[in-house]
């Protein structure tokens, strides 16, 4: 069994050091690219 731990993509809250809890912050353009790249890497596992 393999366990892979990931984070969400970058949000504007991350950039502005705003702590996120249960409220979903929208991912920004960089975060979207991060998610797409992660998806491609996970498909290869």
PDB file of N, CA and C in Angstrom:
ATOM      1  N   UNK A   1       0.849  -1.176   0.000  1.00  0.00           N
ATOM      2  CA  UNK A   1       0.000   0.000   0.000  1.00  0.00           C
ATOM      3  C   UNK A   1       0.895   1.239   0.000  1.00  0.00           C
ATOM      4  N   UNK A   2       0.507   2.222  -0.776  1.00  0.00           N
ATOM      5  CA  UNK A   2       1.227   3.491  -0.838  1.00  0.00           C
ATOM      6  C   UNK A   2       0.294   4.606  -0.380  1.00  0.00           C
ATOM      7  N   UNK A   3       0.782   5.432   0.506  1.00  0.00           N
ATOM      8  CA  UNK A   3       0.021   6.592   0.971  1.00  0.00           C
ATOM      9  C   UNK A   3       0.723   7.836   0.459  1.00  0.00           C
ATOM     10  N   UNK A   4      -0.038   8.687  -0.200  1.00  0.00           N
ATOM     11  CA  UNK A   4       0.503   9.928  -0.748  1.00  0.00           C
ATOM     12  C   UNK A   4      -0.184  11.091  -0.053  1.00  0.00           C
ATOM     13  N   UNK A   5       0.603  11.966   0.524  1.00  0.00           N
ATOM     14  CA  UNK A   5       0.054  13.138   1.213  1.00  0.00           C
ATOM     15  C   UNK A   5       0.311  14.362   0.339  1.00  0.00           C
ATOM     16  N   UNK A   6      -0.735  15.116   0.079  1.00  0.00           N
ATOM     17  CA  UNK A   6      -0.611  16.321  -0.752  1.00  0.00           C
ATOM     18  C   UNK A   6      -1.298  17.488  -0.055  1.00  0.00           C
ATOM     19  N   UNK A   7      -1.057  18.652  -0.602  1.00  0.00           N
ATOM     20  CA  UNK A   7      -1.741  19.871  -0.153  1.00  0.00           C
ATOM     21  C   UNK A   7      -2.591  20.394  -1.290  1.00  0.00           C
ATOM     22  N   UNK A   8      -3.414  21.334  -0.965  1.00  0.00           N
ATOM     23  CA  UNK A   8      -4.196  22.022  -1.986  1.00  0.00           C
ATOM     24  C   UNK A   8      -3.262  22.938  -2.782  1.00  0.00           C
ATOM     25  N   UNK A   9      -3.710  23.386  -3.913  1.00  0.00           N
ATOM     26  CA  UNK A   9      -2.938  24.366  -4.679  1.00  0.00           C
ATOM     27  C   UNK A   9      -2.937  25.717  -3.991  1.00  0.00           C
ATOM     28  N   UNK A  10      -2.068  26.582  -4.438  1.00  0.00           N
ATOM     29  CA  UNK A  10      -1.916  27.910  -3.826  1.00  0.00           C
ATOM     30  C   UNK A  10      -3.202  28.729  -3.950  1.00  0.00           C
ATOM     31  N   UNK A  11      -3.509  29.451  -2.884  1.00  0.00           N
ATOM     32  CA  UNK A  11      -4.640  30.385  -2.887  1.00  0.00           C
ATOM     33  C   UNK A  11      -4.121  31.781  -2.564  1.00  0.00           C
ATOM     34  N   UNK A  12      -4.939  32.762  -2.811  1.00  0.00           N
ATOM     35  CA  UNK A  12      -4.552  34.132  -2.456  1.00  0.00           C
ATOM     36  C   UNK A  12      -4.456  34.289  -0.941  1.00  0.00           C
ATOM     37  N   UNK A  13      -5.229  33.488  -0.201  1.00  0.00           N
ATOM     38  CA  UNK A  13      -5.120  33.514   1.262  1.00  0.00           C
ATOM     39  C   UNK A  13      -3.721  33.093   1.692  1.00  0.00           C
ATOM     40  N   UNK A  14      -3.149  32.063   1.021  1.00  0.00           N
ATOM     41  CA  UNK A  14      -1.787  31.620   1.351  1.00  0.00           C
ATOM     42  C   UNK A  14      -0.799  32.764   1.162  1.00  0.00           C
ATOM     43  N   UNK A  15      -0.913  33.459   0.053  1.00  0.00           N
ATOM     44  CA  UNK A  15       0.015  34.545  -0.261  1.00  0.00           C
ATOM     45  C   UNK A  15      -0.067  35.655   0.784  1.00  0.00           C
ATOM     46  N   UNK A  16      -1.285  35.925   1.248  1.00  0.00           N
ATOM     47  CA  UNK A  16      -1.508  37.014   2.210  1.00  0.00           C
ATOM     48  C   UNK A  16      -1.438  36.558   3.659  1.00  0.00           C
ATOM     49  N   UNK A  17      -0.949  35.325   3.896  1.00  0.00           N
ATOM     50  CA  UNK A  17      -0.803  34.766   5.247  1.00  0.00           C
ATOM     51  C   UNK A  17      -2.109  34.760   6.038  1.00  0.00           C
ATOM     52  N   UNK A  18      -3.211  34.502   5.344  1.00  0.00           N
ATOM     53  CA  UNK A  18      -4.512  34.384   5.996  1.00  0.00           C
ATOM     54  C   UNK A  18      -4.734  32.912   6.299  1.00  0.00           C
ATOM     55  N   UNK A  19      -4.986  32.605   7.566  1.00  0.00           N
ATOM     56  CA  UNK A  19      -5.180  31.226   7.975  1.00  0.00           C
ATOM     57  C   UNK A  19      -6.541  30.753   7.487  1.00  0.00           C
ATOM     58  N   UNK A  20      -6.527  29.619   6.813  1.00  0.00           N
ATOM     59  CA  UNK A  20      -7.764  29.043   6.313  1.00  0.00           C
ATOM     60  C   UNK A  20      -8.189  27.910   7.228  1.00  0.00           C
ATOM     61  N   UNK A  21      -9.455  27.798   7.440  1.00  0.00           N
ATOM     62  CA  UNK A  21      -9.979  26.713   8.252  1.00  0.00           C
ATOM     63  C   UNK A  21     -10.962  25.914   7.432  1.00  0.00           C
ATOM     64  N   UNK A  22     -12.197  26.005   7.805  1.00  0.00           N
ATOM     65  CA  UNK A  22     -13.233  25.258   7.100  1.00  0.00           C
ATOM     66  C   UNK A  22     -13.764  26.021   5.902  1.00  0.00           C
ATOM     67  N   UNK A  23     -13.392  27.267   5.779  1.00  0.00           N
ATOM     68  CA  UNK A  23     -13.809  28.092   4.644  1.00  0.00           C
ATOM     69  C   UNK A  23     -12.902  27.796   3.459  1.00  0.00           C
ATOM     70  N   UNK A  24     -13.485  27.490   2.326  1.00  0.00           N
ATOM     71  CA  UNK A  24     -12.689  27.176   1.149  1.00  0.00           C
ATOM     72  C   UNK A  24     -12.243  28.450   0.451  1.00  0.00           C
ATOM     73  N   UNK A  25     -10.941  28.620   0.305  1.00  0.00           N
ATOM     74  CA  UNK A  25     -10.415  29.718  -0.488  1.00  0.00           C
ATOM     75  C   UNK A  25     -10.243  29.224  -1.915  1.00  0.00           C
ATOM     76  N   UNK A  26     -10.498  30.083  -2.851  1.00  0.00           N
ATOM     77  CA  UNK A  26     -10.365  29.681  -4.253  1.00  0.00           C
ATOM     78  C   UNK A  26      -8.899  29.630  -4.637  1.00  0.00           C
ATOM     79  N   UNK A  27      -8.518  28.584  -5.391  1.00  0.00           N
ATOM     80  CA  UNK A  27      -7.136  28.521  -5.841  1.00  0.00           C
ATOM     81  C   UNK A  27      -6.920  29.560  -6.935  1.00  0.00           C
ATOM     82  N   UNK A  28      -5.722  30.118  -6.957  1.00  0.00           N
ATOM     83  CA  UNK A  28      -5.407  31.123  -7.973  1.00  0.00           C
ATOM     84  C   UNK A  28      -4.777  30.431  -9.186  1.00  0.00           C
ATOM     85  N   UNK A  29      -4.288  31.209 -10.149  1.00  0.00           N
ATOM     86  CA  UNK A  29      -3.738  30.632 -11.382  1.00  0.00           C
ATOM     87  C   UNK A  29      -2.562  29.700 -11.103  1.00  0.00           C
ATOM     88  N   UNK A  30      -1.678  30.117 -10.208  1.00  0.00           N
ATOM     89  CA  UNK A  30      -0.536  29.267  -9.863  1.00  0.00           C
ATOM     90  C   UNK A  30      -1.021  27.980  -9.203  1.00  0.00           C
ATOM     91  N   UNK A  31      -2.005  28.098  -8.334  1.00  0.00           N
ATOM     92  CA  UNK A  31      -2.566  26.923  -7.666  1.00  0.00           C
ATOM     93  C   UNK A  31      -3.185  25.955  -8.650  1.00  0.00           C
ATOM     94  N   UNK A  32      -3.847  26.483  -9.670  1.00  0.00           N
ATOM     95  CA  UNK A  32      -4.446  25.625 -10.693  1.00  0.00           C
ATOM     96  C   UNK A  32      -3.360  24.837 -11.435  1.00  0.00           C
ATOM     97  N   UNK A  33      -2.278  25.517 -11.781  1.00  0.00           N
ATOM     98  CA  UNK A  33      -1.167  24.848 -12.466  1.00  0.00           C
ATOM     99  C   UNK A  33      -0.578  23.765 -11.558  1.00  0.00           C
ATOM    100  N   UNK A  34      -0.456  24.059 -10.272  1.00  0.00           N
ATOM    101  CA  UNK A  34       0.068  23.076  -9.324  1.00  0.00           C
ATOM    102  C   UNK A  34      -0.826  21.832  -9.281  1.00  0.00           C
ATOM    103  N   UNK A  35      -2.133  22.041  -9.280  1.00  0.00           N
ATOM    104  CA  UNK A  35      -3.075  20.923  -9.220  1.00  0.00           C
ATOM    105  C   UNK A  35      -2.995  20.079 -10.489  1.00  0.00           C
ATOM    106  N   UNK A  36      -2.908  20.725 -11.628  1.00  0.00           N
ATOM    107  CA  UNK A  36      -2.797  19.994 -12.894  1.00  0.00           C
ATOM    108  C   UNK A  36      -1.515  19.171 -12.918  1.00  0.00           C
ATOM    109  N   UNK A  37      -0.403  19.771 -12.505  1.00  0.00           N
ATOM    110  CA  UNK A  37       0.875  19.049 -12.489  1.00  0.00           C
ATOM    111  C   UNK A  37       0.830  17.875 -11.507  1.00  0.00           C
ATOM    112  N   UNK A  38       0.233  18.072 -10.332  1.00  0.00           N
ATOM    113  CA  UNK A  38       0.110  17.002  -9.364  1.00  0.00           C
ATOM    114  C   UNK A  38      -0.735  15.859  -9.923  1.00  0.00           C
ATOM    115  N   UNK A  39      -1.799  16.212 -10.594  1.00  0.00           N
ATOM    116  CA  UNK A  39      -2.673  15.202 -11.182  1.00  0.00           C
ATOM    117  C   UNK A  39      -1.902  14.320 -12.168  1.00  0.00           C
ATOM    118  N   UNK A  40      -1.077  14.939 -12.985  1.00  0.00           N
ATOM    119  CA  UNK A  40      -0.278  14.180 -13.963  1.00  0.00           C
ATOM    120  C   UNK A  40       0.699  13.254 -13.249  1.00  0.00           C
ATOM    121  N   UNK A  41       1.313  13.718 -12.170  1.00  0.00           N
ATOM    122  CA  UNK A  41       2.266  12.896 -11.430  1.00  0.00           C
ATOM    123  C   UNK A  41       1.569  11.726 -10.742  1.00  0.00           C
ATOM    124  N   UNK A  42       0.392  11.976 -10.175  1.00  0.00           N
ATOM    125  CA  UNK A  42      -0.335  10.913  -9.478  1.00  0.00           C
ATOM    126  C   UNK A  42      -0.809   9.840 -10.441  1.00  0.00           C
ATOM    127  N   UNK A  43      -1.145  10.221 -11.649  1.00  0.00           N
ATOM    128  CA  UNK A  43      -1.585   9.236 -12.639  1.00  0.00           C
ATOM    129  C   UNK A  43      -0.478   8.249 -12.991  1.00  0.00           C
ATOM    130  N   UNK A  44       0.771   8.661 -12.820  1.00  0.00           N
ATOM    131  CA  UNK A  44       1.912   7.798 -13.153  1.00  0.00           C
ATOM    132  C   UNK A  44       2.258   6.813 -12.040  1.00  0.00           C
ATOM    133  N   UNK A  45       1.642   6.955 -10.880  1.00  0.00           N
ATOM    134  CA  UNK A  45       1.963   6.059  -9.750  1.00  0.00           C
ATOM    135  C   UNK A  45       1.370   4.682  -9.954  1.00  0.00           C
TER     136      UNK A  45
END
